[in-house]
Amino acid sequence: MFSKHHYLTHDIHKGSRIFVATINDELCGICAVLHFPHPKVKNIIRGHRLVVLPDYQGFGIGWRLMNLVGDILINEGKRFTITTSSPTLVTKLKESTWRCTQYGRMGSHGKTTTAKGVKVGLFDSSNRVTTSWEKR
């Protein structure tokens, strides 16, 4: 239902914890999060997908959902981070209590890796500025 409305891939990781937003019992948005494997910090959760269906965009649903998810995770003793290139979301984040942890271009064109001898293209954000944020 949400896959065709996200700009990256259509897949949501099987290990995701998914939060949903509804209006009058109708699904209007999702926020999927994943554990972020870190060699030293064990309690980081990262945003995986934030999608609001087109009929519900422009009302702040995604922003409210992401903040509510962050509050839930922080209350569970977790840290919550997101990465985005959405200019609208970056503007909202700058005006909020979220802390910017990274700003700039990441990746390089044509970067690939091999998995069991098969070439796999990596996510490449070198064409756009990305920002990373942590909820406070």
Protein backbone atom coordinates (compact mmCIF):
# COMPACT_ATOMS: atom_id res chain seq x y z
CA MET A 1 0.00 0.00 0.00
CA PHE A 2 2.85 2.41 0.84
CA SER A 3 5.65 1.01 -1.32
CA LYS A 4 4.96 2.98 -4.49
CA HIS A 5 4.99 6.24 -2.53
CA HIS A 6 8.59 6.04 -1.27
CA TYR A 7 11.46 7.43 -3.31
CA LEU A 8 14.06 4.79 -2.40
CA THR A 9 13.07 1.16 -2.81
CA HIS A 10 9.75 -0.54 -2.47
CA ASP A 11 11.02 -2.87 0.24
CA ILE A 12 10.63 -2.48 3.96
CA HIS A 13 13.13 -4.56 5.91
CA LYS A 14 11.62 -7.69 7.49
CA GLY A 15 13.19 -6.78 10.82
CA SER A 16 11.49 -3.38 10.96
CA ARG A 17 9.25 -2.26 13.75
CA ILE A 18 6.39 -0.45 12.03
CA PHE A 19 4.25 2.31 13.50
CA VAL A 20 1.11 3.40 11.67
CA ALA A 21 -0.90 6.61 11.54
CA THR A 22 -4.64 6.48 10.98
CA ILE A 23 -7.41 9.00 10.49
CA ASN A 24 -10.95 7.75 11.11
CA ASP A 25 -9.58 4.18 11.18
CA GLU A 26 -8.01 4.57 7.71
CA LEU A 27 -4.27 4.08 7.28
CA CYS A 28 -2.58 7.29 6.19
CA GLY A 29 1.10 6.88 7.11
CA ILE A 30 3.82 4.58 8.38
CA CYS A 31 7.13 4.97 10.15
CA ALA A 32 9.38 1.90 10.03
CA VAL A 33 12.46 1.73 12.25
CA LEU A 34 15.40 -0.66 12.57
CA HIS A 35 18.09 -1.42 15.13
CA PHE A 36 21.32 0.28 14.01
CA PRO A 37 24.28 -2.06 14.49
CA HIS A 38 27.08 -0.07 16.12
CA PRO A 39 30.32 -1.47 17.52
CA LYS A 40 30.08 0.49 20.79
CA VAL A 41 26.55 1.85 21.22
CA LYS A 42 23.89 -0.86 21.46
CA ASN A 43 20.69 1.16 21.77
CA ILE A 44 20.48 3.14 18.51
CA ILE A 45 17.33 2.83 16.41
CA ARG A 46 17.27 4.44 12.97
CA GLY A 47 14.37 5.52 10.84
CA HIS A 48 13.98 3.18 7.88
CA ARG A 49 10.90 4.50 6.06
CA LEU A 50 8.55 7.41 6.65
CA VAL A 51 5.69 7.46 4.18
CA VAL A 52 2.43 9.40 4.16
CA LEU A 53 -0.09 8.59 1.46
CA PRO A 54 -0.60 11.41 -1.07
CA ASP A 55 -4.16 12.24 0.03
CA TYR A 56 -2.85 12.99 3.53
CA GLN A 57 0.35 14.88 2.72
CA GLY A 58 0.79 18.50 3.73
CA PHE A 59 -0.94 18.23 7.11
CA GLY A 60 2.14 17.41 9.21
CA ILE A 61 1.21 13.77 9.75
CA GLY A 62 4.69 12.47 8.91
CA TRP A 63 6.32 15.01 11.21
CA ARG A 64 3.98 14.17 14.10
CA LEU A 65 4.34 10.41 13.54
CA MET A 66 8.15 10.59 13.44
CA ASN A 67 8.25 12.65 16.65
CA LEU A 68 5.82 10.34 18.42
CA VAL A 69 7.88 7.30 17.40
CA GLY A 70 11.00 9.09 18.66
CA ASP A 71 9.34 9.83 22.00
CA ILE A 72 8.27 6.18 22.35
CA LEU A 73 11.78 4.94 21.58
CA ILE A 74 13.45 7.43 23.93
CA ASN A 75 11.03 6.35 26.70
CA GLU A 76 12.20 2.77 26.03
CA GLY A 77 15.81 3.87 26.64
CA LYS A 78 16.76 3.99 22.96
CA ARG A 79 18.37 6.67 20.81
CA PHE A 80 16.51 7.56 17.59
CA THR A 81 18.24 8.79 14.44
CA ILE A 82 17.07 9.54 10.92
CA THR A 83 18.73 10.43 7.63
CA THR A 84 16.89 12.51 5.05
CA SER A 85 17.36 14.59 1.95
CA SER A 86 13.84 16.04 2.02
CA PRO A 87 14.15 19.86 2.05
CA THR A 88 10.80 20.22 3.83
CA LEU A 89 11.77 17.77 6.56
CA VAL A 90 15.22 19.34 6.96
CA THR A 91 13.58 22.73 7.50
CA LYS A 92 11.29 21.29 10.19
CA LEU A 93 14.19 19.52 11.86
CA LYS A 94 16.28 22.72 11.94
CA GLU A 95 13.42 24.50 13.75
CA SER A 96 13.05 21.71 16.31
CA THR A 97 15.01 20.19 19.17
CA TRP A 98 16.47 17.47 16.91
CA ARG A 99 20.30 17.62 16.70
CA CYS A 100 22.01 17.53 13.29
CA THR A 101 24.79 14.92 13.33
CA GLN A 102 25.79 14.94 9.64
CA TYR A 103 25.33 17.27 6.68
CA GLY A 104 26.66 16.82 3.16
CA ARG A 105 27.04 14.37 0.34
CA MET A 106 27.70 10.72 1.08
CA GLY A 107 28.74 7.91 -1.23
CA SER A 108 30.30 8.01 -4.66
CA HIS A 109 29.02 7.35 -8.16
CA GLY A 110 29.24 3.78 -9.38
CA LYS A 111 30.31 2.36 -6.04
CA THR A 112 29.58 -1.34 -5.87
CA THR A 113 30.36 -4.27 -3.67
CA THR A 114 30.22 -8.00 -4.12
CA ALA A 115 28.08 -10.37 -2.13
CA LYS A 116 28.88 -14.03 -2.80
CA GLY A 117 30.46 -13.04 -6.10
CA VAL A 118 27.44 -11.07 -7.35
CA LYS A 119 27.82 -7.34 -7.95
CA VAL A 120 25.34 -5.35 -5.92
CA GLY A 121 24.83 -1.59 -6.33
CA LEU A 122 24.95 0.36 -3.09
CA PHE A 123 22.61 3.19 -2.14
CA ASP A 124 24.24 6.30 -3.53
CA SER A 125 23.31 9.75 -2.29
CA SER A 126 26.19 11.60 -3.92
CA ASN A 127 23.73 13.46 -6.16
CA ARG A 128 22.04 15.17 -3.25
CA VAL A 129 22.76 16.60 0.17
CA THR A 130 21.72 14.32 3.00
CA THR A 131 21.40 15.14 6.66
CA SER A 132 21.36 12.91 9.73
CA TRP A 133 19.58 13.85 12.93
CA GLU A 134 19.11 12.53 16.45
CA LYS A 135 15.97 13.10 18.49
CA ARG A 136 16.54 14.77 21.85
